[in-house]
């Protein structure tokens, strides 16, 4: 068991600065980013953010009525999720994403629900 020293415990940053060579050469997330990651949010790399923007633009400009379709980016993989009311939209979604530069694998998890 640790013995009390009467000193205030040092913060993570103070310990890192004193023990890690060049501590500022690495990325340390903010507390808000740590909290968001704990809740399931994933921070995209710059390449992923660029691909996300390209896919969003392509879907938006497609003219399809797909308000309940969303997508996620993981490196170059695009995962489509949501619902559509017409089964003919499913291959169109994949073709739109396939035409986006830098898009790799496409996982289409969109379901057909005529009640939407």
C-alpha atoms as a PDB file:
ATOM      1  CA  UNK A   1       0.000   0.000   0.000  1.00  0.00           C
ATOM      2  CA  UNK A   2       1.290   3.451  -0.889  1.00  0.00           C
ATOM      3  CA  UNK A   3       2.380   5.617   1.993  1.00  0.00           C
ATOM      4  CA  UNK A   4       0.954   9.153   2.195  1.00  0.00           C
ATOM      5  CA  UNK A   5       3.618  11.747   1.388  1.00  0.00           C
ATOM      6  CA  UNK A   6       1.643  14.887   2.114  1.00  0.00           C
ATOM      7  CA  UNK A   7       2.129  16.050  -1.491  1.00  0.00           C
ATOM      8  CA  UNK A   8      -0.649  16.709  -3.969  1.00  0.00           C
ATOM      9  CA  UNK A   9      -0.794  13.946  -6.575  1.00  0.00           C
ATOM     10  CA  UNK A  10       0.582  15.002  -9.952  1.00  0.00           C
ATOM     11  CA  UNK A  11      -1.644  15.114 -13.005  1.00  0.00           C
ATOM     12  CA  UNK A  12      -1.255  12.808 -15.984  1.00  0.00           C
ATOM     13  CA  UNK A  13       0.213  15.653 -18.045  1.00  0.00           C
ATOM     14  CA  UNK A  14       2.800  16.474 -15.350  1.00  0.00           C
ATOM     15  CA  UNK A  15       3.883  12.845 -15.135  1.00  0.00           C
ATOM     16  CA  UNK A  16       4.065  12.572 -18.928  1.00  0.00           C
ATOM     17  CA  UNK A  17       6.162  15.720 -19.284  1.00  0.00           C
ATOM     18  CA  UNK A  18       8.675  14.424 -16.753  1.00  0.00           C
ATOM     19  CA  UNK A  19       8.919  10.837 -18.042  1.00  0.00           C
ATOM     20  CA  UNK A  20       8.247  10.821 -21.793  1.00  0.00           C
ATOM     21  CA  UNK A  21      10.848  12.165 -24.187  1.00  0.00           C
ATOM     22  CA  UNK A  22       9.285  14.811 -26.419  1.00  0.00           C
ATOM     23  CA  UNK A  23       5.802  14.476 -24.891  1.00  0.00           C
ATOM     24  CA  UNK A  24       4.344  17.046 -27.256  1.00  0.00           C
ATOM     25  CA  UNK A  25       5.125  14.913 -30.309  1.00  0.00           C
ATOM     26  CA  UNK A  26       2.026  12.783 -29.765  1.00  0.00           C
ATOM     27  CA  UNK A  27      -1.679  13.533 -29.831  1.00  0.00           C
ATOM     28  CA  UNK A  28      -3.598  13.717 -26.575  1.00  0.00           C
ATOM     29  CA  UNK A  29      -7.374  14.017 -26.887  1.00  0.00           C
ATOM     30  CA  UNK A  30      -9.265  16.624 -24.946  1.00  0.00           C
ATOM     31  CA  UNK A  31     -11.569  15.585 -22.121  1.00  0.00           C
ATOM     32  CA  UNK A  32     -14.570  16.212 -24.402  1.00  0.00           C
ATOM     33  CA  UNK A  33     -13.060  13.934 -27.058  1.00  0.00           C
ATOM     34  CA  UNK A  34     -12.370  11.240 -24.452  1.00  0.00           C
ATOM     35  CA  UNK A  35     -15.961  11.498 -23.199  1.00  0.00           C
ATOM     36  CA  UNK A  36     -17.345  11.306 -26.758  1.00  0.00           C
ATOM     37  CA  UNK A  37     -15.178   8.259 -27.525  1.00  0.00           C
ATOM     38  CA  UNK A  38     -16.409   6.560 -24.361  1.00  0.00           C
ATOM     39  CA  UNK A  39     -19.981   7.204 -25.535  1.00  0.00           C
ATOM     40  CA  UNK A  40     -19.217   5.619 -28.920  1.00  0.00           C
ATOM     41  CA  UNK A  41     -18.221   8.556 -31.112  1.00  0.00           C
ATOM     42  CA  UNK A  42     -15.225   7.928 -33.341  1.00  0.00           C
ATOM     43  CA  UNK A  43     -12.945  10.727 -34.499  1.00  0.00           C
ATOM     44  CA  UNK A  44     -12.203  10.443 -38.218  1.00  0.00           C
ATOM     45  CA  UNK A  45      -8.708  10.800 -39.631  1.00  0.00           C
ATOM     46  CA  UNK A  46      -8.239  13.535 -42.232  1.00  0.00           C
ATOM     47  CA  UNK A  47      -8.480  10.953 -45.054  1.00  0.00           C
ATOM     48  CA  UNK A  48     -11.665   9.502 -43.547  1.00  0.00           C
ATOM     49  CA  UNK A  49     -13.163  12.971 -43.109  1.00  0.00           C
ATOM     50  CA  UNK A  50     -12.420  13.761 -46.756  1.00  0.00           C
ATOM     51  CA  UNK A  51     -14.044  10.499 -47.904  1.00  0.00           C
ATOM     52  CA  UNK A  52     -17.034  11.206 -45.624  1.00  0.00           C
ATOM     53  CA  UNK A  53     -17.479  14.590 -47.278  1.00  0.00           C
ATOM     54  CA  UNK A  54     -17.252  13.077 -50.780  1.00  0.00           C
ATOM     55  CA  UNK A  55     -19.821  10.359 -49.986  1.00  0.00           C
ATOM     56  CA  UNK A  56     -22.171  12.879 -48.354  1.00  0.00           C
ATOM     57  CA  UNK A  57     -21.946  15.150 -51.413  1.00  0.00           C
ATOM     58  CA  UNK A  58     -22.546  12.236 -53.788  1.00  0.00           C
ATOM     59  CA  UNK A  59     -25.618  11.016 -51.881  1.00  0.00           C
ATOM     60  CA  UNK A  60     -26.993  14.532 -51.508  1.00  0.00           C
ATOM     61  CA  UNK A  61     -26.603  15.316 -55.214  1.00  0.00           C
ATOM     62  CA  UNK A  62     -28.020  11.949 -56.323  1.00  0.00           C
ATOM     63  CA  UNK A  63     -31.596  13.203 -56.185  1.00  0.00           C
ATOM     64  CA  UNK A  64     -32.722  10.112 -54.259  1.00  0.00           C
ATOM     65  CA  UNK A  65     -35.242  10.525 -51.460  1.00  0.00           C
ATOM     66  CA  UNK A  66     -33.265   8.821 -48.679  1.00  0.00           C
ATOM     67  CA  UNK A  67     -33.864  10.749 -45.447  1.00  0.00           C
ATOM     68  CA  UNK A  68     -33.455   7.634 -43.288  1.00  0.00           C
ATOM     69  CA  UNK A  69     -30.148   6.483 -44.792  1.00  0.00           C
ATOM     70  CA  UNK A  70     -26.877   7.216 -43.015  1.00  0.00           C
ATOM     71  CA  UNK A  71     -23.340   5.979 -43.476  1.00  0.00           C
ATOM     72  CA  UNK A  72     -20.127   5.417 -41.568  1.00  0.00           C
ATOM     73  CA  UNK A  73     -16.530   5.517 -42.756  1.00  0.00           C
ATOM     74  CA  UNK A  74     -13.797   3.169 -41.506  1.00  0.00           C
ATOM     75  CA  UNK A  75     -10.597   3.828 -43.460  1.00  0.00           C
ATOM     76  CA  UNK A  76     -11.894   3.310 -47.017  1.00  0.00           C
ATOM     77  CA  UNK A  77     -14.845   1.088 -46.083  1.00  0.00           C
ATOM     78  CA  UNK A  78     -18.289   2.706 -46.343  1.00  0.00           C
ATOM     79  CA  UNK A  79     -21.154   1.189 -44.334  1.00  0.00           C
ATOM     80  CA  UNK A  80     -24.646   2.243 -45.363  1.00  0.00           C
ATOM     81  CA  UNK A  81     -27.434   1.964 -42.761  1.00  0.00           C
ATOM     82  CA  UNK A  82     -31.081   2.877 -42.620  1.00  0.00           C
ATOM     83  CA  UNK A  83     -34.375   2.295 -44.416  1.00  0.00           C
ATOM     84  CA  UNK A  84     -35.808   2.926 -47.843  1.00  0.00           C
ATOM     85  CA  UNK A  85     -39.313   2.317 -49.136  1.00  0.00           C
ATOM     86  CA  UNK A  86     -38.339   0.911 -52.568  1.00  0.00           C
ATOM     87  CA  UNK A  87     -36.020  -2.038 -53.233  1.00  0.00           C
ATOM     88  CA  UNK A  88     -34.747  -0.462 -56.475  1.00  0.00           C
ATOM     89  CA  UNK A  89     -32.918   2.164 -54.409  1.00  0.00           C
ATOM     90  CA  UNK A  90     -30.554  -0.395 -52.829  1.00  0.00           C
ATOM     91  CA  UNK A  91     -28.310  -0.974 -55.878  1.00  0.00           C
ATOM     92  CA  UNK A  92     -28.454   2.734 -56.729  1.00  0.00           C
ATOM     93  CA  UNK A  93     -27.012   3.588 -53.315  1.00  0.00           C
ATOM     94  CA  UNK A  94     -24.137   1.172 -53.813  1.00  0.00           C
ATOM     95  CA  UNK A  95     -23.432   2.485 -57.320  1.00  0.00           C
ATOM     96  CA  UNK A  96     -23.344   6.076 -56.076  1.00  0.00           C
ATOM     97  CA  UNK A  97     -20.845   5.205 -53.344  1.00  0.00           C
ATOM     98  CA  UNK A  98     -18.796   2.985 -55.681  1.00  0.00           C
ATOM     99  CA  UNK A  99     -18.303   5.980 -57.998  1.00  0.00           C
ATOM    100  CA  UNK A 100     -16.830   8.092 -55.185  1.00  0.00           C
ATOM    101  CA  UNK A 101     -13.036   8.346 -55.511  1.00  0.00           C
ATOM    102  CA  UNK A 102     -11.147   6.563 -52.703  1.00  0.00           C
ATOM    103  CA  UNK A 103     -14.199   4.543 -51.581  1.00  0.00           C
ATOM    104  CA  UNK A 104     -13.218   0.937 -50.984  1.00  0.00           C
ATOM    105  CA  UNK A 105     -15.481  -1.826 -49.716  1.00  0.00           C
ATOM    106  CA  UNK A 106     -19.173  -1.056 -49.369  1.00  0.00           C
ATOM    107  CA  UNK A 107     -21.321  -2.742 -46.749  1.00  0.00           C
ATOM    108  CA  UNK A 108     -24.982  -2.103 -47.485  1.00  0.00           C
ATOM    109  CA  UNK A 109     -27.097  -2.671 -44.371  1.00  0.00           C
ATOM    110  CA  UNK A 110     -30.034  -0.638 -45.670  1.00  0.00           C
ATOM    111  CA  UNK A 111     -33.365  -2.444 -45.340  1.00  0.00           C
ATOM    112  CA  UNK A 112     -36.521  -2.091 -47.399  1.00  0.00           C
ATOM    113  CA  UNK A 113     -39.513  -0.942 -45.383  1.00  0.00           C
ATOM    114  CA  UNK A 114     -42.496   0.158 -47.472  1.00  0.00           C
ATOM    115  CA  UNK A 115     -44.039   1.743 -44.369  1.00  0.00           C
ATOM    116  CA  UNK A 116     -41.461   4.571 -44.265  1.00  0.00           C
END
